[in-house]
Amino acid sequence: MLYLCFLASTSISFRFSAGYGVQAVTTETSFQLNDDEWHTVYAERNRLEAILQIDEFAPVRLSPTRGLSSADL
């Protein structure tokens, strides 16, 4: 599961499940995102982290916590 959603007119959340619960990366801007202008949203989920970036602003990164699984034994 992967999805992006607007939480408010100034914030976006990138949510994903990596098999150990839903994680979320959220970023908030100082400006309205629903301003009739195009914005660039970059969202990435890889083995080490999740990244969410809007336009040229600094990305928000999340290194998900992970519970014990059979792969760790």
N, C-alpha and C. Protein backbone atom coordinates (compact mmCIF):
# COMPACT_ATOMS: atom_id res chain seq x y z
N MET A 1 0.84 -1.17 0.00
CA MET A 1 0.00 0.00 0.00
C MET A 1 0.89 1.24 0.00
N LEU A 2 0.64 2.13 -0.91
CA LEU A 2 1.30 3.44 -0.99
C LEU A 2 0.23 4.46 -1.35
N TYR A 3 0.22 5.60 -0.65
CA TYR A 3 -0.65 6.67 -1.12
C TYR A 3 -0.22 8.02 -0.58
N LEU A 4 -0.56 9.05 -1.34
CA LEU A 4 -0.33 10.45 -0.99
C LEU A 4 -1.68 11.08 -0.72
N CYS A 5 -1.75 11.93 0.29
CA CYS A 5 -3.01 12.62 0.53
C CYS A 5 -2.76 14.00 1.12
N PHE A 6 -3.65 14.91 0.80
CA PHE A 6 -3.63 16.24 1.40
C PHE A 6 -4.26 16.15 2.77
N LEU A 7 -3.57 16.63 3.77
CA LEU A 7 -4.15 16.69 5.12
C LEU A 7 -4.80 18.03 5.36
N ALA A 8 -4.29 19.06 4.71
CA ALA A 8 -4.80 20.43 4.78
C ALA A 8 -4.28 21.13 3.53
N SER A 9 -4.62 22.38 3.36
CA SER A 9 -4.19 23.09 2.16
C SER A 9 -2.69 23.37 2.15
N THR A 10 -2.02 23.10 3.28
CA THR A 10 -0.57 23.35 3.36
C THR A 10 0.23 22.10 3.73
N SER A 11 -0.39 20.93 3.74
CA SER A 11 0.38 19.73 4.12
C SER A 11 -0.03 18.51 3.31
N ILE A 12 0.97 17.65 3.08
CA ILE A 12 0.80 16.41 2.34
C ILE A 12 1.40 15.28 3.17
N SER A 13 0.75 14.12 3.10
CA SER A 13 1.24 12.95 3.79
C SER A 13 1.47 11.83 2.78
N PHE A 14 2.60 11.15 2.92
CA PHE A 14 2.94 9.97 2.12
C PHE A 14 2.89 8.79 3.08
N ARG A 15 1.96 7.88 2.85
CA ARG A 15 1.75 6.73 3.75
C ARG A 15 2.05 5.44 3.01
N PHE A 16 2.61 4.50 3.75
CA PHE A 16 2.98 3.24 3.13
C PHE A 16 3.00 2.15 4.19
N SER A 17 2.89 0.93 3.73
CA SER A 17 3.00 -0.23 4.60
C SER A 17 4.14 -1.08 4.09
N ALA A 18 5.05 -1.41 5.00
CA ALA A 18 6.18 -2.25 4.63
C ALA A 18 6.07 -3.62 5.29
N GLY A 19 4.87 -4.01 5.67
CA GLY A 19 4.65 -5.31 6.27
C GLY A 19 4.67 -5.31 7.79
N TYR A 20 4.95 -4.20 8.41
CA TYR A 20 4.98 -4.11 9.87
C TYR A 20 4.24 -2.88 10.36
N GLY A 21 3.16 -2.55 9.67
CA GLY A 21 2.34 -1.41 10.07
C GLY A 21 2.47 -0.24 9.11
N VAL A 22 1.50 0.63 9.16
CA VAL A 22 1.49 1.81 8.29
C VAL A 22 2.41 2.87 8.87
N GLN A 23 3.27 3.40 8.03
CA GLN A 23 4.18 4.49 8.38
C GLN A 23 3.76 5.71 7.57
N ALA A 24 4.10 6.91 8.05
CA ALA A 24 3.73 8.12 7.33
C ALA A 24 4.85 9.15 7.41
N VAL A 25 5.08 9.81 6.28
CA VAL A 25 5.97 10.97 6.21
C VAL A 25 5.07 12.14 5.86
N THR A 26 5.10 13.18 6.65
CA THR A 26 4.24 14.35 6.43
C THR A 26 5.09 15.60 6.36
N THR A 27 4.76 16.48 5.43
CA THR A 27 5.44 17.76 5.33
C THR A 27 4.42 18.87 5.27
N GLU A 28 4.76 19.98 5.85
CA GLU A 28 3.88 21.15 5.85
C GLU A 28 4.63 22.32 5.23
N THR A 29 3.93 23.08 4.42
CA THR A 29 4.53 24.24 3.75
C THR A 29 4.04 25.53 4.40
N SER A 30 4.73 26.61 4.07
CA SER A 30 4.32 27.92 4.56
C SER A 30 3.37 28.60 3.57
N PHE A 31 3.01 27.88 2.51
CA PHE A 31 2.14 28.44 1.47
C PHE A 31 1.04 27.44 1.14
N GLN A 32 -0.01 27.93 0.52
CA GLN A 32 -1.13 27.10 0.10
C GLN A 32 -0.71 26.23 -1.09
N LEU A 33 -1.04 24.97 -1.03
CA LEU A 33 -0.76 24.06 -2.14
C LEU A 33 -1.88 24.07 -3.17
N ASN A 34 -3.04 24.51 -2.78
CA ASN A 34 -4.19 24.58 -3.70
C ASN A 34 -4.32 26.01 -4.25
N ASP A 35 -3.23 26.49 -4.87
CA ASP A 35 -3.16 27.88 -5.34
C ASP A 35 -3.28 28.01 -6.86
N ASP A 36 -3.82 26.99 -7.52
CA ASP A 36 -3.97 26.96 -8.98
C ASP A 36 -2.63 27.03 -9.71
N GLU A 37 -1.57 26.60 -9.06
CA GLU A 37 -0.24 26.49 -9.66
C GLU A 37 0.20 25.03 -9.58
N TRP A 38 1.09 24.64 -10.48
CA TRP A 38 1.64 23.29 -10.45
C TRP A 38 2.73 23.22 -9.38
N HIS A 39 2.77 22.11 -8.67
CA HIS A 39 3.81 21.85 -7.68
C HIS A 39 4.40 20.48 -7.97
N THR A 40 5.66 20.32 -7.65
CA THR A 40 6.33 19.03 -7.81
C THR A 40 6.36 18.32 -6.47
N VAL A 41 5.85 17.10 -6.46
CA VAL A 41 5.88 16.29 -5.25
C VAL A 41 6.70 15.04 -5.56
N TYR A 42 7.73 14.82 -4.76
CA TYR A 42 8.59 13.66 -4.91
C TYR A 42 8.40 12.77 -3.69
N ALA A 43 8.01 11.53 -3.91
CA ALA A 43 7.83 10.57 -2.82
C ALA A 43 8.59 9.30 -3.20
N GLU A 44 9.38 8.81 -2.25
CA GLU A 44 10.16 7.59 -2.49
C GLU A 44 10.12 6.71 -1.25
N ARG A 45 10.00 5.43 -1.48
CA ARG A 45 10.10 4.44 -0.40
C ARG A 45 11.10 3.41 -0.87
N ASN A 46 12.19 3.27 -0.14
CA ASN A 46 13.17 2.25 -0.47
C ASN A 46 13.42 1.39 0.76
N ARG A 47 14.40 0.55 0.75
CA ARG A 47 14.63 -0.37 1.87
C ARG A 47 15.06 0.34 3.15
N LEU A 48 15.65 1.53 3.04
CA LEU A 48 16.22 2.20 4.20
C LEU A 48 15.38 3.35 4.74
N GLU A 49 14.62 4.02 3.87
CA GLU A 49 13.91 5.21 4.31
C GLU A 49 12.77 5.56 3.36
N ALA A 50 11.98 6.52 3.79
CA ALA A 50 10.95 7.12 2.94
C ALA A 50 11.26 8.61 2.85
N ILE A 51 11.02 9.19 1.68
CA ILE A 51 11.34 10.60 1.44
C ILE A 51 10.12 11.27 0.83
N LEU A 52 9.84 12.48 1.29
CA LEU A 52 8.76 13.30 0.73
C LEU A 52 9.30 14.71 0.54
N GLN A 53 9.17 15.24 -0.67
CA GLN A 53 9.67 16.57 -0.97
C GLN A 53 8.66 17.32 -1.83
N ILE A 54 8.46 18.59 -1.54
CA ILE A 54 7.58 19.46 -2.33
C ILE A 54 8.42 20.56 -2.94
N ASP A 55 8.27 20.72 -4.24
CA ASP A 55 9.01 21.72 -5.00
C ASP A 55 10.50 21.62 -4.68
N GLU A 56 11.18 22.73 -4.51
CA GLU A 56 12.62 22.71 -4.28
C GLU A 56 13.00 22.74 -2.80
N PHE A 57 12.03 22.59 -1.93
CA PHE A 57 12.29 22.64 -0.49
C PHE A 57 12.98 21.36 0.00
N ALA A 58 13.58 21.45 1.16
CA ALA A 58 14.31 20.32 1.72
C ALA A 58 13.39 19.11 1.91
N PRO A 59 13.86 17.93 1.58
CA PRO A 59 13.04 16.74 1.75
C PRO A 59 12.88 16.36 3.22
N VAL A 60 11.76 15.70 3.52
CA VAL A 60 11.52 15.14 4.84
C VAL A 60 11.81 13.64 4.71
N ARG A 61 12.59 13.11 5.63
CA ARG A 61 12.98 11.70 5.57
C ARG A 61 12.50 10.96 6.81
N LEU A 62 12.15 9.71 6.61
CA LEU A 62 11.73 8.85 7.71
C LEU A 62 12.45 7.52 7.57
N SER A 63 13.14 7.11 8.61
CA SER A 63 13.71 5.77 8.66
C SER A 63 12.80 4.95 9.56
N PRO A 64 11.94 4.12 8.96
CA PRO A 64 10.92 3.41 9.74
C PRO A 64 11.52 2.48 10.78
N THR A 65 10.84 2.40 11.90
CA THR A 65 11.22 1.42 12.91
C THR A 65 10.71 0.07 12.44
N ARG A 66 11.34 -0.97 12.89
CA ARG A 66 10.97 -2.28 12.40
C ARG A 66 10.91 -3.27 13.55
N GLY A 67 9.86 -4.02 13.59
CA GLY A 67 9.72 -5.05 14.61
C GLY A 67 10.46 -6.31 14.21
N LEU A 68 10.58 -7.23 15.13
CA LEU A 68 11.24 -8.50 14.88
C LEU A 68 10.42 -9.33 13.90
N SER A 69 11.11 -9.86 12.92
CA SER A 69 10.45 -10.75 11.96
C SER A 69 11.27 -12.01 11.80
N SER A 70 10.74 -12.96 11.08
CA SER A 70 11.46 -14.22 10.90
C SER A 70 12.77 -14.03 10.15
N ALA A 71 12.87 -12.99 9.36
CA ALA A 71 14.10 -12.72 8.61
C ALA A 71 15.23 -12.30 9.56
N ASP A 72 14.89 -11.86 10.77
CA ASP A 72 15.90 -11.41 11.72
C ASP A 72 16.46 -12.57 12.56
N LEU A 73 15.88 -13.74 12.46
CA LEU A 73 16.28 -14.85 13.34
C LEU A 73 17.56 -15.51 12.86
